[in-house]
């Protein structure tokens, strides 16, 4: 499985492992995060460089936003 697929399928554990104190504790994981791959492709179309990168644009909701939904 590619790194993008791993991040998508294991988003919550990924966030807690890498960003526990900075961000993960603020995310409401009761609302499923949404992957915005097509939107990311519109922002950053394929480039001519040979560099390989793993990028993912994910929409999620912090706890303080979900109190308004």
PDB file of N, CA and C in Angstrom:
ATOM      1  N   UNK A   1       0.853  -1.186   0.000  1.00  0.00           N
ATOM      2  CA  UNK A   1       0.000   0.000   0.000  1.00  0.00           C
ATOM      3  C   UNK A   1       0.889   1.236   0.000  1.00  0.00           C
ATOM      4  N   UNK A   2       0.547   2.179  -0.818  1.00  0.00           N
ATOM      5  CA  UNK A   2       1.318   3.416  -0.893  1.00  0.00           C
ATOM      6  C   UNK A   2       1.091   4.258   0.354  1.00  0.00           C
ATOM      7  N   UNK A   3       1.992   5.193   0.581  1.00  0.00           N
ATOM      8  CA  UNK A   3       1.912   6.016   1.785  1.00  0.00           C
ATOM      9  C   UNK A   3       0.626   6.843   1.837  1.00  0.00           C
ATOM     10  N   UNK A   4       0.118   7.294   0.682  1.00  0.00           N
ATOM     11  CA  UNK A   4      -1.126   8.063   0.674  1.00  0.00           C
ATOM     12  C   UNK A   4      -2.288   7.210   1.147  1.00  0.00           C
ATOM     13  N   UNK A   5      -2.328   5.964   0.730  1.00  0.00           N
ATOM     14  CA  UNK A   5      -3.395   5.055   1.149  1.00  0.00           C
ATOM     15  C   UNK A   5      -3.342   4.759   2.634  1.00  0.00           C
ATOM     16  N   UNK A   6      -2.142   4.647   3.148  1.00  0.00           N
ATOM     17  CA  UNK A   6      -1.977   4.395   4.580  1.00  0.00           C
ATOM     18  C   UNK A   6      -2.469   5.593   5.380  1.00  0.00           C
ATOM     19  N   UNK A   7      -2.112   6.784   4.955  1.00  0.00           N
ATOM     20  CA  UNK A   7      -2.549   7.994   5.667  1.00  0.00           C
ATOM     21  C   UNK A   7      -4.072   8.096   5.637  1.00  0.00           C
ATOM     22  N   UNK A   8      -4.680   7.773   4.509  1.00  0.00           N
ATOM     23  CA  UNK A   8      -6.130   7.853   4.387  1.00  0.00           C
ATOM     24  C   UNK A   8      -6.822   6.835   5.284  1.00  0.00           C
ATOM     25  N   UNK A   9      -6.385   5.587   5.212  1.00  0.00           N
ATOM     26  CA  UNK A   9      -7.072   4.537   5.958  1.00  0.00           C
ATOM     27  C   UNK A   9      -6.785   4.588   7.455  1.00  0.00           C
ATOM     28  N   UNK A  10      -5.666   5.149   7.833  1.00  0.00           N
ATOM     29  CA  UNK A  10      -5.297   5.226   9.255  1.00  0.00           C
ATOM     30  C   UNK A  10      -5.099   6.677   9.696  1.00  0.00           C
ATOM     31  N   UNK A  11      -5.988   7.543   9.269  1.00  0.00           N
ATOM     32  CA  UNK A  11      -5.816   8.980   9.522  1.00  0.00           C
ATOM     33  C   UNK A  11      -5.775   9.311  11.017  1.00  0.00           C
ATOM     34  N   UNK A  12      -6.712   8.776  11.779  1.00  0.00           N
ATOM     35  CA  UNK A  12      -6.735   9.100  13.211  1.00  0.00           C
ATOM     36  C   UNK A  12      -5.475   8.620  13.931  1.00  0.00           C
ATOM     37  N   UNK A  13      -5.063   7.353  13.801  1.00  0.00           N
ATOM     38  CA  UNK A  13      -3.803   6.947  14.445  1.00  0.00           C
ATOM     39  C   UNK A  13      -2.585   7.719  13.927  1.00  0.00           C
ATOM     40  N   UNK A  14      -2.593   8.031  12.630  1.00  0.00           N
ATOM     41  CA  UNK A  14      -1.508   8.822  12.055  1.00  0.00           C
ATOM     42  C   UNK A  14      -1.406  10.173  12.748  1.00  0.00           C
ATOM     43  N   UNK A  15      -2.530  10.845  12.914  1.00  0.00           N
ATOM     44  CA  UNK A  15      -2.532  12.168  13.545  1.00  0.00           C
ATOM     45  C   UNK A  15      -2.091  12.080  15.008  1.00  0.00           C
ATOM     46  N   UNK A  16      -2.566  11.064  15.725  1.00  0.00           N
ATOM     47  CA  UNK A  16      -2.156  10.927  17.122  1.00  0.00           C
ATOM     48  C   UNK A  16      -0.675  10.591  17.256  1.00  0.00           C
ATOM     49  N   UNK A  17      -0.148   9.835  16.328  1.00  0.00           N
ATOM     50  CA  UNK A  17       1.270   9.477  16.402  1.00  0.00           C
ATOM     51  C   UNK A  17       2.169  10.679  16.112  1.00  0.00           C
ATOM     52  N   UNK A  18       1.851  11.441  15.071  1.00  0.00           N
ATOM     53  CA  UNK A  18       2.725  12.527  14.658  1.00  0.00           C
ATOM     54  C   UNK A  18       2.375  13.892  15.257  1.00  0.00           C
ATOM     55  N   UNK A  19       1.108  14.119  15.604  1.00  0.00           N
ATOM     56  CA  UNK A  19       0.681  15.456  16.036  1.00  0.00           C
ATOM     57  C   UNK A  19      -0.196  15.428  17.282  1.00  0.00           C
ATOM     58  N   UNK A  20       0.070  14.530  18.200  1.00  0.00           N
ATOM     59  CA  UNK A  20      -0.816  14.363  19.351  1.00  0.00           C
ATOM     60  C   UNK A  20      -1.070  15.668  20.102  1.00  0.00           C
ATOM     61  N   UNK A  21      -0.040  16.350  20.485  1.00  0.00           N
ATOM     62  CA  UNK A  21      -0.222  17.541  21.310  1.00  0.00           C
ATOM     63  C   UNK A  21      -0.544  18.782  20.509  1.00  0.00           C
ATOM     64  N   UNK A  22      -0.072  18.838  19.273  1.00  0.00           N
ATOM     65  CA  UNK A  22      -0.288  20.033  18.478  1.00  0.00           C
ATOM     66  C   UNK A  22      -1.688  20.088  17.880  1.00  0.00           C
ATOM     67  N   UNK A  23      -2.219  18.942  17.431  1.00  0.00           N
ATOM     68  CA  UNK A  23      -3.420  18.994  16.619  1.00  0.00           C
ATOM     69  C   UNK A  23      -4.422  17.876  16.884  1.00  0.00           C
ATOM     70  N   UNK A  24      -3.967  16.654  17.032  1.00  0.00           N
ATOM     71  CA  UNK A  24      -4.871  15.497  17.058  1.00  0.00           C
ATOM     72  C   UNK A  24      -5.903  15.574  18.175  1.00  0.00           C
ATOM     73  N   UNK A  25      -5.549  16.118  19.304  1.00  0.00           N
ATOM     74  CA  UNK A  25      -6.505  16.206  20.413  1.00  0.00           C
ATOM     75  C   UNK A  25      -7.612  17.227  20.145  1.00  0.00           C
ATOM     76  N   UNK A  26      -7.439  18.054  19.130  1.00  0.00           N
ATOM     77  CA  UNK A  26      -8.436  19.066  18.783  1.00  0.00           C
ATOM     78  C   UNK A  26      -9.396  18.618  17.682  1.00  0.00           C
ATOM     79  N   UNK A  27      -9.143  17.476  17.053  1.00  0.00           N
ATOM     80  CA  UNK A  27      -9.957  17.014  15.925  1.00  0.00           C
ATOM     81  C   UNK A  27     -11.119  16.161  16.418  1.00  0.00           C
ATOM     82  N   UNK A  28     -12.292  16.417  15.870  1.00  0.00           N
ATOM     83  CA  UNK A  28     -13.459  15.596  16.167  1.00  0.00           C
ATOM     84  C   UNK A  28     -13.488  14.434  15.176  1.00  0.00           C
ATOM     85  N   UNK A  29     -13.020  13.273  15.612  1.00  0.00           N
ATOM     86  CA  UNK A  29     -12.959  12.107  14.739  1.00  0.00           C
ATOM     87  C   UNK A  29     -14.306  11.402  14.620  1.00  0.00           C
ATOM     88  N   UNK A  30     -15.337  11.898  15.292  1.00  0.00           N
ATOM     89  CA  UNK A  30     -16.692  11.365  15.105  1.00  0.00           C
ATOM     90  C   UNK A  30     -17.243  11.741  13.732  1.00  0.00           C
ATOM     91  N   UNK A  31     -16.721  12.820  13.166  1.00  0.00           N
ATOM     92  CA  UNK A  31     -17.065  13.227  11.804  1.00  0.00           C
ATOM     93  C   UNK A  31     -15.947  12.729  10.900  1.00  0.00           C
ATOM     94  N   UNK A  32     -16.300  11.902   9.927  1.00  0.00           N
ATOM     95  CA  UNK A  32     -15.296  11.282   9.066  1.00  0.00           C
ATOM     96  C   UNK A  32     -14.547  12.345   8.258  1.00  0.00           C
ATOM     97  N   UNK A  33     -13.212  12.332   8.316  1.00  0.00           N
ATOM     98  CA  UNK A  33     -12.427  13.257   7.494  1.00  0.00           C
ATOM     99  C   UNK A  33     -12.661  12.984   6.012  1.00  0.00           C
ATOM    100  N   UNK A  34     -12.581  14.025   5.211  1.00  0.00           N
ATOM    101  CA  UNK A  34     -12.840  13.920   3.781  1.00  0.00           C
ATOM    102  C   UNK A  34     -11.545  14.176   3.009  1.00  0.00           C
ATOM    103  N   UNK A  35     -11.197  13.257   2.118  1.00  0.00           N
ATOM    104  CA  UNK A  35     -10.002  13.411   1.284  1.00  0.00           C
ATOM    105  C   UNK A  35     -10.344  14.269   0.078  1.00  0.00           C
ATOM    106  N   UNK A  36      -9.540  15.286  -0.155  1.00  0.00           N
ATOM    107  CA  UNK A  36      -9.782  16.233  -1.242  1.00  0.00           C
ATOM    108  C   UNK A  36      -8.681  16.117  -2.295  1.00  0.00           C
ATOM    109  N   UNK A  37      -8.535  14.925  -2.860  1.00  0.00           N
ATOM    110  CA  UNK A  37      -7.469  14.679  -3.832  1.00  0.00           C
ATOM    111  C   UNK A  37      -7.643  15.493  -5.108  1.00  0.00           C
ATOM    112  N   UNK A  38      -8.861  15.571  -5.619  1.00  0.00           N
ATOM    113  CA  UNK A  38      -9.086  16.316  -6.863  1.00  0.00           C
ATOM    114  C   UNK A  38      -8.804  17.805  -6.669  1.00  0.00           C
ATOM    115  N   UNK A  39      -9.181  18.322  -5.514  1.00  0.00           N
ATOM    116  CA  UNK A  39      -8.922  19.733  -5.230  1.00  0.00           C
ATOM    117  C   UNK A  39      -7.425  19.999  -5.133  1.00  0.00           C
ATOM    118  N   UNK A  40      -6.693  19.060  -4.549  1.00  0.00           N
ATOM    119  CA  UNK A  40      -5.245  19.217  -4.444  1.00  0.00           C
ATOM    120  C   UNK A  40      -4.606  19.186  -5.827  1.00  0.00           C
ATOM    121  N   UNK A  41      -5.099  18.312  -6.699  1.00  0.00           N
ATOM    122  CA  UNK A  41      -4.576  18.256  -8.067  1.00  0.00           C
ATOM    123  C   UNK A  41      -4.833  19.553  -8.823  1.00  0.00           C
ATOM    124  N   UNK A  42      -5.932  20.226  -8.512  1.00  0.00           N
ATOM    125  CA  UNK A  42      -6.212  21.516  -9.150  1.00  0.00           C
ATOM    126  C   UNK A  42      -5.255  22.596  -8.665  1.00  0.00           C
ATOM    127  N   UNK A  43      -4.905  22.534  -7.387  1.00  0.00           N
ATOM    128  CA  UNK A  43      -4.000  23.525  -6.815  1.00  0.00           C
ATOM    129  C   UNK A  43      -2.574  23.286  -7.291  1.00  0.00           C
ATOM    130  N   UNK A  44      -2.141  22.032  -7.249  1.00  0.00           N
ATOM    131  CA  UNK A  44      -0.784  21.657  -7.639  1.00  0.00           C
ATOM    132  C   UNK A  44      -0.832  20.594  -8.734  1.00  0.00           C
ATOM    133  N   UNK A  45      -0.950  21.000  -9.991  1.00  0.00           N
ATOM    134  CA  UNK A  45      -0.943  20.011 -11.074  1.00  0.00           C
ATOM    135  C   UNK A  45       0.425  19.321 -11.157  1.00  0.00           C
ATOM    136  N   UNK A  46       0.482  18.221 -11.891  1.00  0.00           N
ATOM    137  CA  UNK A  46       1.741  17.486 -12.044  1.00  0.00           C
ATOM    138  C   UNK A  46       2.845  18.418 -12.530  1.00  0.00           C
ATOM    139  N   UNK A  47       3.991  18.263 -11.928  1.00  0.00           N
ATOM    140  CA  UNK A  47       5.120  19.100 -12.328  1.00  0.00           C
ATOM    141  C   UNK A  47       6.093  18.279 -13.172  1.00  0.00           C
ATOM    142  N   UNK A  48       7.029  18.962 -13.773  1.00  0.00           N
ATOM    143  CA  UNK A  48       8.021  18.313 -14.618  1.00  0.00           C
ATOM    144  C   UNK A  48       9.218  17.804 -13.828  1.00  0.00           C
ATOM    145  N   UNK A  49       9.263  18.088 -12.543  1.00  0.00           N
ATOM    146  CA  UNK A  49      10.409  17.658 -11.748  1.00  0.00           C
ATOM    147  C   UNK A  49      10.330  16.164 -11.475  1.00  0.00           C
ATOM    148  N   UNK A  50      11.461  15.594 -11.147  1.00  0.00           N
ATOM    149  CA  UNK A  50      11.540  14.162 -10.871  1.00  0.00           C
ATOM    150  C   UNK A  50      11.351  13.860  -9.378  1.00  0.00           C
ATOM    151  N   UNK A  51      11.104  14.869  -8.574  1.00  0.00           N
ATOM    152  CA  UNK A  51      10.967  14.670  -7.137  1.00  0.00           C
ATOM    153  C   UNK A  51       9.704  13.877  -6.836  1.00  0.00           C
ATOM    154  N   UNK A  52       9.824  12.959  -5.906  1.00  0.00           N
ATOM    155  CA  UNK A  52       8.677  12.170  -5.458  1.00  0.00           C
ATOM    156  C   UNK A  52       8.268  12.700  -4.093  1.00  0.00           C
ATOM    157  N   UNK A  53       6.985  12.909  -3.928  1.00  0.00           N
ATOM    158  CA  UNK A  53       6.497  13.402  -2.642  1.00  0.00           C
ATOM    159  C   UNK A  53       5.164  12.739  -2.338  1.00  0.00           C
ATOM    160  N   UNK A  54       4.885  12.662  -1.081  1.00  0.00           N
ATOM    161  CA  UNK A  54       3.588  12.158  -0.650  1.00  0.00           C
ATOM    162  C   UNK A  54       2.818  13.346  -0.105  1.00  0.00           C
ATOM    163  N   UNK A  55       1.682  13.641  -0.703  1.00  0.00           N
ATOM    164  CA  UNK A  55       0.884  14.771  -0.259  1.00  0.00           C
ATOM    165  C   UNK A  55      -0.568  14.339  -0.195  1.00  0.00           C
ATOM    166  N   UNK A  56      -1.261  14.918   0.747  1.00  0.00           N
ATOM    167  CA  UNK A  56      -2.652  14.567   0.970  1.00  0.00           C
ATOM    168  C   UNK A  56      -3.349  15.803   1.512  1.00  0.00           C
ATOM    169  N   UNK A  57      -4.495  16.119   0.957  1.00  0.00           N
ATOM    170  CA  UNK A  57      -5.301  17.226   1.452  1.00  0.00           C
ATOM    171  C   UNK A  57      -6.531  16.606   2.102  1.00  0.00           C
ATOM    172  N   UNK A  58      -6.667  16.813   3.400  1.00  0.00           N
ATOM    173  CA  UNK A  58      -7.757  16.196   4.149  1.00  0.00           C
ATOM    174  C   UNK A  58      -8.525  17.279   4.898  1.00  0.00           C
ATOM    175  N   UNK A  59      -9.834  17.234   4.744  1.00  0.00           N
ATOM    176  CA  UNK A  59     -10.718  18.173   5.440  1.00  0.00           C
ATOM    177  C   UNK A  59     -11.223  17.487   6.710  1.00  0.00           C
ATOM    178  N   UNK A  60     -11.034  18.149   7.842  1.00  0.00           N
ATOM    179  CA  UNK A  60     -11.509  17.620   9.115  1.00  0.00           C
ATOM    180  C   UNK A  60     -12.089  18.748   9.942  1.00  0.00           C
ATOM    181  N   UNK A  61     -12.757  18.401  11.016  1.00  0.00           N
ATOM    182  CA  UNK A  61     -13.427  19.389  11.841  1.00  0.00           C
ATOM    183  C   UNK A  61     -12.870  19.386  13.257  1.00  0.00           C
ATOM    184  N   UNK A  62     -12.437  20.547  13.737  1.00  0.00           N
ATOM    185  CA  UNK A  62     -12.040  20.655  15.141  1.00  0.00           C
ATOM    186  C   UNK A  62     -13.273  20.596  16.042  1.00  0.00           C
ATOM    187  N   UNK A  63     -13.073  20.226  17.285  1.00  0.00           N
ATOM    188  CA  UNK A  63     -14.185  20.131  18.235  1.00  0.00           C
ATOM    189  C   UNK A  63     -14.961  21.438  18.355  1.00  0.00           C
ATOM    190  N   UNK A  64     -14.270  22.558  18.380  1.00  0.00           N
ATOM    191  CA  UNK A  64     -14.985  23.819  18.576  1.00  0.00           C
ATOM    192  C   UNK A  64     -15.854  24.190  17.395  1.00  0.00           C
ATOM    193  N   UNK A  65     -15.616  23.630  16.188  1.00  0.00           N
ATOM    194  CA  UNK A  65     -16.506  23.871  15.045  1.00  0.00           C
ATOM    195  C   UNK A  65     -17.732  22.992  15.119  1.00  0.00           C
ATOM    196  N   UNK A  66     -17.593  21.783  15.616  1.00  0.00           N
ATOM    197  CA  UNK A  66     -18.708  20.842  15.613  1.00  0.00           C
ATOM    198  C   UNK A  66     -19.802  21.246  16.598  1.00  0.00           C
ATOM    199  N   UNK A  67     -19.494  22.116  17.521  1.00  0.00           N
ATOM    200  CA  UNK A  67     -20.531  22.569  18.436  1.00  0.00           C
ATOM    201  C   UNK A  67     -21.550  23.470  17.709  1.00  0.00           C
ATOM    202  N   UNK A  68     -21.184  23.984  16.528  1.00  0.00           N
ATOM    203  CA  UNK A  68     -22.084  24.835  15.748  1.00  0.00           C
ATOM    204  C   UNK A  68     -22.856  24.048  14.704  1.00  0.00           C
ATOM    205  N   UNK A  69     -22.461  22.813  14.448  1.00  0.00           N
ATOM    206  CA  UNK A  69     -23.118  22.011  13.397  1.00  0.00           C
ATOM    207  C   UNK A  69     -24.369  21.364  13.924  1.00  0.00           C
TER     208      UNK A  69
END
